[in-house]
C-alpha atoms as a PDB file:
ATOM      1  CA  MET A   1     -29.523 -17.022   7.893  1.00  0.00           C
ATOM      2  CA  SER A   2     -28.580 -19.143   4.717  1.00  0.00           C
ATOM      3  CA  THR A   3     -25.733 -21.869   5.308  1.00  0.00           C
ATOM      4  CA  GLU A   4     -23.560 -19.828   2.573  1.00  0.00           C
ATOM      5  CA  VAL A   5     -24.279 -16.775   4.687  1.00  0.00           C
ATOM      6  CA  SER A   6     -23.469 -18.124   8.053  1.00  0.00           C
ATOM      7  CA  GLU A   7     -20.127 -19.878   6.745  1.00  0.00           C
ATOM      8  CA  ARG A   8     -19.198 -16.594   5.378  1.00  0.00           C
ATOM      9  CA  VAL A   9     -19.811 -14.941   8.899  1.00  0.00           C
ATOM     10  CA  ALA A  10     -17.493 -17.643  10.555  1.00  0.00           C
ATOM     11  CA  ASP A  11     -14.377 -16.740   8.800  1.00  0.00           C
ATOM     12  CA  THR A  12     -15.207 -12.760   9.381  1.00  0.00           C
ATOM     13  CA  PRO A  13     -12.843 -10.902  11.802  1.00  0.00           C
ATOM     14  CA  ALA A  14     -14.389 -10.812  15.350  1.00  0.00           C
ATOM     15  CA  ALA A  15     -14.334  -7.113  15.441  1.00  0.00           C
ATOM     16  CA  ILE A  16     -17.356  -7.326  12.661  1.00  0.00           C
ATOM     17  CA  GLN A  17     -19.198 -10.172  14.134  1.00  0.00           C
ATOM     18  CA  ALA A  18     -19.471  -8.320  17.297  1.00  0.00           C
ATOM     19  CA  SER A  19     -21.236  -5.416  15.902  1.00  0.00           C
ATOM     20  CA  PRO A  20     -24.591  -6.723  14.644  1.00  0.00           C
ATOM     21  CA  ALA A  21     -26.068  -3.737  14.523  1.00  0.00           C
ATOM     22  CA  ALA A  22     -23.750  -2.245  11.987  1.00  0.00           C
ATOM     23  CA  ALA A  23     -24.500  -2.152   8.294  1.00  0.00           C
ATOM     24  CA  VAL A  24     -23.085  -5.624   6.476  1.00  0.00           C
ATOM     25  CA  SER A  25     -21.824  -5.608   3.307  1.00  0.00           C
ATOM     26  CA  ASP A  26     -19.769  -7.784   0.975  1.00  0.00           C
ATOM     27  CA  ALA A  27     -16.868  -6.242   2.347  1.00  0.00           C
ATOM     28  CA  ASP A  28     -17.678  -7.666   5.859  1.00  0.00           C
ATOM     29  CA  LEU A  29     -18.848 -11.248   4.859  1.00  0.00           C
ATOM     30  CA  LEU A  30     -16.433 -12.067   1.842  1.00  0.00           C
ATOM     31  CA  PRO A  31     -12.844 -12.881   2.460  1.00  0.00           C
ATOM     32  CA  PRO A  32     -10.888  -9.642   1.925  1.00  0.00           C
ATOM     33  CA  PRO A  33      -8.357  -8.897  -0.818  1.00  0.00           C
ATOM     34  CA  ARG A  34      -5.118 -10.635   0.533  1.00  0.00           C
ATOM     35  CA  HIS A  35      -2.907  -7.459  -0.501  1.00  0.00           C
ATOM     36  CA  ILE A  36      -4.291  -3.891  -1.291  1.00  0.00           C
ATOM     37  CA  ALA A  37      -2.356  -1.295  -2.876  1.00  0.00           C
ATOM     38  CA  ILE A  38      -3.135   2.613  -3.028  1.00  0.00           C
ATOM     39  CA  ILE A  39      -2.329   5.450  -4.987  1.00  0.00           C
ATOM     40  CA  MET A  40      -3.025   8.244  -2.740  1.00  0.00           C
ATOM     41  CA  ASP A  41      -3.837  11.008  -4.912  1.00  0.00           C
ATOM     42  CA  GLY A  42      -5.780  14.549  -4.211  1.00  0.00           C
ATOM     43  CA  ASN A  43      -3.784  15.781  -1.411  1.00  0.00           C
ATOM     44  CA  GLY A  44      -2.566  18.847  -3.017  1.00  0.00           C
ATOM     45  CA  ARG A  45      -5.826  19.535  -4.763  1.00  0.00           C
ATOM     46  CA  TRP A  46      -7.582  18.792  -1.448  1.00  0.00           C
ATOM     47  CA  ALA A  47      -5.516  21.828   0.066  1.00  0.00           C
ATOM     48  CA  ARG A  48      -5.921  24.173  -2.900  1.00  0.00           C
ATOM     49  CA  GLU A  49      -9.715  23.879  -2.918  1.00  0.00           C
ATOM     50  CA  ARG A  50      -9.701  25.249   1.059  1.00  0.00           C
ATOM     51  CA  GLY A  51      -7.115  27.719   0.350  1.00  0.00           C
ATOM     52  CA  LEU A  52      -4.607  25.652   2.575  1.00  0.00           C
ATOM     53  CA  PRO A  53      -0.941  25.552   1.934  1.00  0.00           C
ATOM     54  CA  ARG A  54      -0.238  22.227  -0.044  1.00  0.00           C
ATOM     55  CA  ILE A  55       1.538  20.739   3.086  1.00  0.00           C
ATOM     56  CA  LYS A  56      -2.058  20.902   4.892  1.00  0.00           C
ATOM     57  CA  GLY A  57      -3.481  18.278   2.457  1.00  0.00           C
ATOM     58  CA  HIS A  58      -0.520  16.175   3.109  1.00  0.00           C
ATOM     59  CA  GLU A  59      -1.109  16.388   6.660  1.00  0.00           C
ATOM     60  CA  GLN A  60      -4.709  15.294   6.030  1.00  0.00           C
ATOM     61  CA  GLY A  61      -3.785  12.674   3.890  1.00  0.00           C
ATOM     62  CA  ALA A  62      -1.430  11.262   6.566  1.00  0.00           C
ATOM     63  CA  ALA A  63      -4.368  10.882   8.895  1.00  0.00           C
ATOM     64  CA  SER A  64      -6.035   9.087   6.329  1.00  0.00           C
ATOM     65  CA  VAL A  65      -3.328   6.497   5.992  1.00  0.00           C
ATOM     66  CA  ARG A  66      -3.741   5.662   9.525  1.00  0.00           C
ATOM     67  CA  ALA A  67      -7.598   5.266   9.115  1.00  0.00           C
ATOM     68  CA  VAL A  68      -7.203   2.944   6.380  1.00  0.00           C
ATOM     69  CA  THR A  69      -4.486   0.945   8.041  1.00  0.00           C
ATOM     70  CA  GLU A  70      -6.778   0.400  10.723  1.00  0.00           C
ATOM     71  CA  GLY A  71      -9.415  -0.700   8.179  1.00  0.00           C
ATOM     72  CA  CYS A  72      -7.661  -3.037   6.576  1.00  0.00           C
ATOM     73  CA  ALA A  73      -6.516  -4.517   9.776  1.00  0.00           C
ATOM     74  CA  GLU A  74      -9.985  -4.830  10.814  1.00  0.00           C
ATOM     75  CA  LEU A  75     -11.075  -6.441   7.632  1.00  0.00           C
ATOM     76  CA  GLY A  76      -8.358  -9.142   7.796  1.00  0.00           C
ATOM     77  CA  VAL A  77      -6.402  -7.999   5.037  1.00  0.00           C
ATOM     78  CA  GLY A  78      -2.822  -8.919   4.955  1.00  0.00           C
ATOM     79  CA  TYR A  79      -0.746  -6.728   3.413  1.00  0.00           C
ATOM     80  CA  LEU A  80      -1.421  -2.818   2.561  1.00  0.00           C
ATOM     81  CA  THR A  81       1.043  -1.215   0.171  1.00  0.00           C
ATOM     82  CA  VAL A  82       0.736   2.536   0.060  1.00  0.00           C
ATOM     83  CA  PHE A  83       2.479   4.939  -2.926  1.00  0.00           C
ATOM     84  CA  ALA A  84       4.110   7.632   0.050  1.00  0.00           C
ATOM     85  CA  PHE A  85       6.533   9.295  -2.451  1.00  0.00           C
ATOM     86  CA  SER A  86       7.707   8.468  -5.828  1.00  0.00           C
ATOM     87  CA  THR A  87      11.206   9.238  -7.452  1.00  0.00           C
ATOM     88  CA  GLU A  88       9.862  11.706  -9.474  1.00  0.00           C
ATOM     89  CA  ASN A  89       8.463  13.772  -6.611  1.00  0.00           C
ATOM     90  CA  TRP A  90      12.101  14.820  -5.540  1.00  0.00           C
ATOM     91  CA  LYS A  91      11.575  17.210  -8.596  1.00  0.00           C
ATOM     92  CA  ARG A  92       9.101  19.116  -6.982  1.00  0.00           C
ATOM     93  CA  PRO A  93      10.435  22.424  -4.787  1.00  0.00           C
ATOM     94  CA  LYS A  94      12.976  21.663  -2.141  1.00  0.00           C
ATOM     95  CA  GLU A  95      10.451  23.639   0.077  1.00  0.00           C
ATOM     96  CA  GLU A  96       7.815  20.931  -0.381  1.00  0.00           C
ATOM     97  CA  THR A  97       9.978  17.918  -0.302  1.00  0.00           C
ATOM     98  CA  ASP A  98      11.639  18.922   2.750  1.00  0.00           C
ATOM     99  CA  ALA A  99       8.089  19.438   4.451  1.00  0.00           C
ATOM    100  CA  LEU A 100       7.370  16.032   3.209  1.00  0.00           C
ATOM    101  CA  MET A 101      10.394  14.389   4.465  1.00  0.00           C
ATOM    102  CA  GLY A 102       9.590  16.085   7.984  1.00  0.00           C
ATOM    103  CA  LEU A 103       6.246  15.050   7.986  1.00  0.00           C
ATOM    104  CA  LEU A 104       7.389  11.519   6.927  1.00  0.00           C
ATOM    105  CA  GLU A 105       9.655  11.226  10.142  1.00  0.00           C
ATOM    106  CA  GLN A 106       6.514  12.748  11.992  1.00  0.00           C
ATOM    107  CA  PHE A 107       4.578  10.211  11.077  1.00  0.00           C
ATOM    108  CA  ILE A 108       6.507   7.336  11.572  1.00  0.00           C
ATOM    109  CA  GLY A 109       7.163   8.165  15.215  1.00  0.00           C
ATOM    110  CA  GLN A 110       3.491   8.918  15.703  1.00  0.00           C
ATOM    111  CA  GLU A 111       2.301   5.811  14.420  1.00  0.00           C
ATOM    112  CA  LEU A 112       4.741   3.551  16.006  1.00  0.00           C
ATOM    113  CA  PRO A 113       2.828   2.966  19.274  1.00  0.00           C
ATOM    114  CA  GLY A 114      -0.469   2.318  16.981  1.00  0.00           C
ATOM    115  CA  LEU A 115       1.461  -0.354  15.104  1.00  0.00           C
ATOM    116  CA  MET A 116       2.825  -2.146  18.081  1.00  0.00           C
ATOM    117  CA  LYS A 117      -0.694  -2.119  19.681  1.00  0.00           C
ATOM    118  CA  ASN A 118      -2.617  -3.406  16.492  1.00  0.00           C
ATOM    119  CA  ARG A 119       0.484  -5.965  15.682  1.00  0.00           C
ATOM    120  CA  ILE A 120       1.224  -4.153  12.107  1.00  0.00           C
ATOM    121  CA  ARG A 121       4.508  -4.875  10.900  1.00  0.00           C
ATOM    122  CA  LEU A 122       6.047  -1.932   9.114  1.00  0.00           C
ATOM    123  CA  ARG A 123       8.091  -2.558   5.620  1.00  0.00           C
ATOM    124  CA  ALA A 124       9.501  -0.088   3.060  1.00  0.00           C
ATOM    125  CA  ILE A 125      10.555  -0.527  -0.487  1.00  0.00           C
ATOM    126  CA  GLY A 126      11.864   1.998  -2.959  1.00  0.00           C
ATOM    127  CA  ARG A 127      15.305   3.677  -3.096  1.00  0.00           C
ATOM    128  CA  THR A 128      15.394   4.434   0.509  1.00  0.00           C
ATOM    129  CA  HIS A 129      18.924   5.683   0.789  1.00  0.00           C
ATOM    130  CA  ASP A 130      17.934   8.421  -1.232  1.00  0.00           C
ATOM    131  CA  LEU A 131      15.993   9.578   2.215  1.00  0.00           C
ATOM    132  CA  PRO A 132      17.322  12.108   4.459  1.00  0.00           C
ATOM    133  CA  PRO A 133      19.390  10.435   7.382  1.00  0.00           C
ATOM    134  CA  ASN A 134      17.073  11.171   9.736  1.00  0.00           C
ATOM    135  CA  CYS A 135      14.058   9.836   7.963  1.00  0.00           C
ATOM    136  CA  ARG A 136      16.114   6.451   7.209  1.00  0.00           C
ATOM    137  CA  LYS A 137      16.802   6.133  10.624  1.00  0.00           C
ATOM    138  CA  ALA A 138      13.224   6.461  11.896  1.00  0.00           C
ATOM    139  CA  LEU A 139      12.382   4.131   9.256  1.00  0.00           C
ATOM    140  CA  GLN A 140      14.640   1.563  10.213  1.00  0.00           C
ATOM    141  CA  ASP A 141      13.884   2.018  13.883  1.00  0.00           C
ATOM    142  CA  ALA A 142      10.262   1.322  13.268  1.00  0.00           C
ATOM    143  CA  ILE A 143      10.978  -1.598  10.963  1.00  0.00           C
ATOM    144  CA  ASP A 144      13.234  -2.991  13.359  1.00  0.00           C
ATOM    145  CA  ALA A 145      10.693  -2.398  16.375  1.00  0.00           C
ATOM    146  CA  THR A 146       7.681  -4.175  14.509  1.00  0.00           C
ATOM    147  CA  ALA A 147       9.644  -7.217  12.905  1.00  0.00           C
ATOM    148  CA  GLN A 148       7.514  -9.591  15.172  1.00  0.00           C
ATOM    149  CA  ASN A 149       4.003  -8.284  14.683  1.00  0.00           C
ATOM    150  CA  ASP A 150       1.837 -10.914  12.637  1.00  0.00           C
ATOM    151  CA  ARG A 151      -1.733  -9.345  12.358  1.00  0.00           C
ATOM    152  CA  MET A 152      -0.682  -7.188   8.728  1.00  0.00           C
ATOM    153  CA  THR A 153       2.100  -5.898   7.126  1.00  0.00           C
ATOM    154  CA  LEU A 154       2.008  -2.128   5.956  1.00  0.00           C
ATOM    155  CA  ILE A 155       4.655  -1.426   3.237  1.00  0.00           C
ATOM    156  CA  LEU A 156       5.518   2.516   2.533  1.00  0.00           C
ATOM    157  CA  ALA A 157       6.651   3.128  -1.105  1.00  0.00           C
ATOM    158  CA  LEU A 158       9.221   5.885  -0.587  1.00  0.00           C
ATOM    159  CA  SER A 159      11.330   7.487  -3.307  1.00  0.00           C
ATOM    160  CA  TYR A 160      10.019   4.315  -5.249  1.00  0.00           C
ATOM    161  CA  SER A 161       9.699   3.912  -9.431  1.00  0.00           C
ATOM    162  CA  GLY A 162       8.296   0.882 -10.827  1.00  0.00           C
ATOM    163  CA  ARG A 163      10.930   1.508 -13.659  1.00  0.00           C
ATOM    164  CA  SER A 164      13.452   2.025 -11.335  1.00  0.00           C
ATOM    165  CA  GLU A 165      12.747  -1.155  -9.590  1.00  0.00           C
ATOM    166  CA  LEU A 166      12.953  -3.213 -12.500  1.00  0.00           C
ATOM    167  CA  ILE A 167      16.036  -1.727 -13.785  1.00  0.00           C
ATOM    168  CA  ASP A 168      17.871  -2.461 -10.186  1.00  0.00           C
ATOM    169  CA  ALA A 169      16.239  -6.004 -10.357  1.00  0.00           C
ATOM    170  CA  VAL A 170      17.839  -6.326 -13.753  1.00  0.00           C
ATOM    171  CA  ARG A 171      21.345  -5.278 -13.002  1.00  0.00           C
ATOM    172  CA  ALA A 172      21.037  -7.485 -10.086  1.00  0.00           C
ATOM    173  CA  LEU A 173      20.518 -10.529 -12.019  1.00  0.00           C
ATOM    174  CA  CYS A 174      23.331  -9.368 -14.407  1.00  0.00           C
ATOM    175  CA  ARG A 175      25.445  -9.321 -11.694  1.00  0.00           C
ATOM    176  CA  GLU A 176      24.985 -12.764 -10.759  1.00  0.00           C
ATOM    177  CA  ALA A 177      24.938 -13.961 -14.490  1.00  0.00           C
ATOM    178  CA  LEU A 178      28.658 -12.340 -14.583  1.00  0.00           C
ATOM    179  CA  ARG A 179      29.598 -14.133 -11.308  1.00  0.00           C
ATOM    180  CA  GLY A 180      28.540 -17.672 -13.141  1.00  0.00           C
ATOM    181  CA  GLU A 181      25.982 -17.939 -10.534  1.00  0.00           C
ATOM    182  CA  LEU A 182      23.083 -17.440 -12.707  1.00  0.00           C
ATOM    183  CA  ASN A 183      22.159 -19.150 -16.313  1.00  0.00           C
ATOM    184  CA  PRO A 184      20.281 -16.404 -18.249  1.00  0.00           C
ATOM    185  CA  ASP A 185      18.096 -19.415 -19.775  1.00  0.00           C
ATOM    186  CA  ASP A 186      16.476 -19.791 -16.027  1.00  0.00           C
ATOM    187  CA  ILE A 187      15.250 -16.335 -15.898  1.00  0.00           C
ATOM    188  CA  ASP A 188      11.414 -16.667 -15.391  1.00  0.00           C
ATOM    189  CA  THR A 189       8.720 -14.697 -13.826  1.00  0.00           C
ATOM    190  CA  ALA A 190       9.491 -16.206 -10.722  1.00  0.00           C
ATOM    191  CA  ARG A 191      13.072 -15.278 -10.816  1.00  0.00           C
ATOM    192  CA  ILE A 192      12.426 -12.127 -11.841  1.00  0.00           C
ATOM    193  CA  SER A 193       9.761 -11.446  -9.110  1.00  0.00           C
ATOM    194  CA  SER A 194      12.919 -12.358  -6.660  1.00  0.00           C
ATOM    195  CA  ALA A 195      14.878  -9.736  -7.483  1.00  0.00           C
ATOM    196  CA  LEU A 196      12.136  -7.057  -6.623  1.00  0.00           C
ATOM    197  CA  ASP A 197      11.661  -4.811  -3.420  1.00  0.00           C
ATOM    198  CA  THR A 198       8.366  -6.727  -3.271  1.00  0.00           C
ATOM    199  CA  ARG A 199       9.926 -10.100  -3.042  1.00  0.00           C
ATOM    200  CA  ASP A 200       8.453 -11.080   0.589  1.00  0.00           C
ATOM    201  CA  PHE A 201       4.987 -10.022  -0.591  1.00  0.00           C
ATOM    202  CA  PRO A 202       2.159 -11.385  -2.739  1.00  0.00           C
ATOM    203  CA  ASP A 203       1.078  -9.434  -5.594  1.00  0.00           C
ATOM    204  CA  PRO A 204      -1.558  -7.069  -4.965  1.00  0.00           C
ATOM    205  CA  ASP A 205      -5.202  -8.099  -5.405  1.00  0.00           C
ATOM    206  CA  LEU A 206      -6.772  -4.761  -5.385  1.00  0.00           C
ATOM    207  CA  LEU A 207      -5.271  -1.411  -6.617  1.00  0.00           C
ATOM    208  CA  ILE A 208      -7.135   1.655  -5.406  1.00  0.00           C
ATOM    209  CA  ARG A 209      -6.507   5.016  -6.985  1.00  0.00           C
ATOM    210  CA  THR A 210      -8.111   8.070  -5.304  1.00  0.00           C
ATOM    211  CA  SER A 211      -8.978  11.689  -7.444  1.00  0.00           C
ATOM    212  CA  GLY A 212     -10.009  10.030 -10.459  1.00  0.00           C
ATOM    213  CA  GLU A 213      -6.969   9.578 -12.105  1.00  0.00           C
ATOM    214  CA  MET A 214      -6.908   6.876 -14.588  1.00  0.00           C
ATOM    215  CA  ARG A 215      -2.998   6.013 -15.022  1.00  0.00           C
ATOM    216  CA  LEU A 216      -0.699   3.706 -12.582  1.00  0.00           C
ATOM    217  CA  SER A 217       1.814   6.441 -12.245  1.00  0.00           C
ATOM    218  CA  ASN A 218       5.116   4.121 -12.257  1.00  0.00           C
ATOM    219  CA  PHE A 219       3.625   2.337  -9.488  1.00  0.00           C
ATOM    220  CA  LEU A 220       4.375  -1.301  -9.022  1.00  0.00           C
ATOM    221  CA  LEU A 221       4.376  -2.047 -12.910  1.00  0.00           C
ATOM    222  CA  TRP A 222       5.395  -5.649 -12.692  1.00  0.00           C
ATOM    223  CA  GLN A 223       3.129  -6.638  -9.655  1.00  0.00           C
ATOM    224  CA  LEU A 224       0.047  -5.432 -10.940  1.00  0.00           C
ATOM    225  CA  SER A 225      -0.215  -7.320 -14.204  1.00  0.00           C
ATOM    226  CA  TYR A 226      -3.603  -9.137 -12.938  1.00  0.00           C
ATOM    227  CA  THR A 227      -4.487  -6.523 -10.027  1.00  0.00           C
ATOM    228  CA  GLU A 228      -8.167  -5.468 -10.157  1.00  0.00           C
ATOM    229  CA  ILE A 229      -8.269  -1.785 -10.279  1.00  0.00           C
ATOM    230  CA  TYR A 230     -10.694   0.388  -8.481  1.00  0.00           C
ATOM    231  CA  VAL A 231     -10.766   4.205  -9.253  1.00  0.00           C
ATOM    232  CA  THR A 232     -12.819   6.812  -6.791  1.00  0.00           C
ATOM    233  CA  GLU A 233     -13.263  10.604  -7.430  1.00  0.00           C
ATOM    234  CA  LYS A 234     -12.869  11.222  -3.908  1.00  0.00           C
ATOM    235  CA  LEU A 235      -9.317  12.365  -2.887  1.00  0.00           C
ATOM    236  CA  TRP A 236      -7.056  11.052  -0.889  1.00  0.00           C
ATOM    237  CA  PRO A 237      -7.320  12.935   2.322  1.00  0.00           C
ATOM    238  CA  ASP A 238     -11.548  12.349   2.434  1.00  0.00           C
ATOM    239  CA  PHE A 239     -10.888   8.499   2.042  1.00  0.00           C
ATOM    240  CA  GLY A 240     -12.195   6.740   4.757  1.00  0.00           C
ATOM    241  CA  LYS A 241     -13.023   3.242   6.337  1.00  0.00           C
ATOM    242  CA  ASP A 242     -16.202   3.651   4.606  1.00  0.00           C
ATOM    243  CA  ASP A 243     -14.335   4.068   1.176  1.00  0.00           C
ATOM    244  CA  LEU A 244     -12.351   1.066   1.930  1.00  0.00           C
ATOM    245  CA  ARG A 245     -15.573  -1.071   2.313  1.00  0.00           C
ATOM    246  CA  ASP A 246     -16.741   0.339  -0.951  1.00  0.00           C
ATOM    247  CA  ALA A 247     -13.935  -0.472  -2.645  1.00  0.00           C
ATOM    248  CA  ILE A 248     -13.506  -4.064  -1.406  1.00  0.00           C
ATOM    249  CA  ALA A 249     -17.224  -4.475  -1.952  1.00  0.00           C
ATOM    250  CA  ALA A 250     -16.607  -3.468  -6.001  1.00  0.00           C
ATOM    251  CA  PHE A 251     -13.718  -6.052  -5.776  1.00  0.00           C
ATOM    252  CA  HIS A 252     -16.098  -8.668  -4.619  1.00  0.00           C
ATOM    253  CA  LYS A 253     -17.995  -7.927  -7.848  1.00  0.00           C
ATOM    254  CA  ARG A 254     -15.143  -8.651 -10.245  1.00  0.00           C
ATOM    255  CA  GLU A 255     -14.667 -12.090 -11.539  1.00  0.00           C
ATOM    256  CA  ARG A 256     -10.994 -12.720 -11.960  1.00  0.00           C
ATOM    257  CA  ARG A 257      -9.792 -15.121 -14.635  1.00  0.00           C
ATOM    258  CA  PHE A 258      -5.878 -14.503 -14.627  1.00  0.00           C
ATOM    259  CA  GLY A 259      -5.947 -14.638 -18.674  1.00  0.00           C
ATOM    260  CA  GLY A 260      -8.410 -17.626 -18.611  1.00  0.00           C
ATOM    261  CA  ILE A 261     -12.132 -18.305 -19.707  1.00  0.00           C
END
């Protein structure tokens, strides 16, 4: 084994090093993206192709969230943000949104023991005050319970919109200026970032979008400025740990210049 590869293996999570018989890829040997964001698309199409109700696609999608969260933790990813429910999703039939909120509450309750066992901290971004009271309580209880976990942070984007987030940030900065606490000339990229829901997290390094769609869908519009984008035709309910490794391997083949040469 070369010195370069040996150094990479030394930095690889122990869970991977302990399985020498497993196929090794760049996703295993190279440092993982610090922050991965995912637009989870294709739940409804997955269900329709199988003649199932849409909620069955969302249920299978929740299982993919579990698998990918575990995969990210195993690979040493620090932050995972998943686009779980957008502000635009409230326009769907009430029957579906009610079912989704019930699934969200159920998901949080079922996943909490695993989050604790794997030392994963749960956070949320978006206008979570729009969620039903029982969902808000379940979410806040899980956030509080996992607050001291230090292995990885799972961020749920709930009732989230990139444009709404920017509007809320601008309003907050305007209120500070009106109170005389902020000079408008002092507003820069760092100050705007500090007013966003994501102020506590680094910008994503990698965005994964499933189902082959080529758009951002109003997701993390400010934060994705220099993020590498990976699109797969695979529908979200079929996306698993191997697909995550493929996305990370593709990420490692990119040259990130951040506007430079």
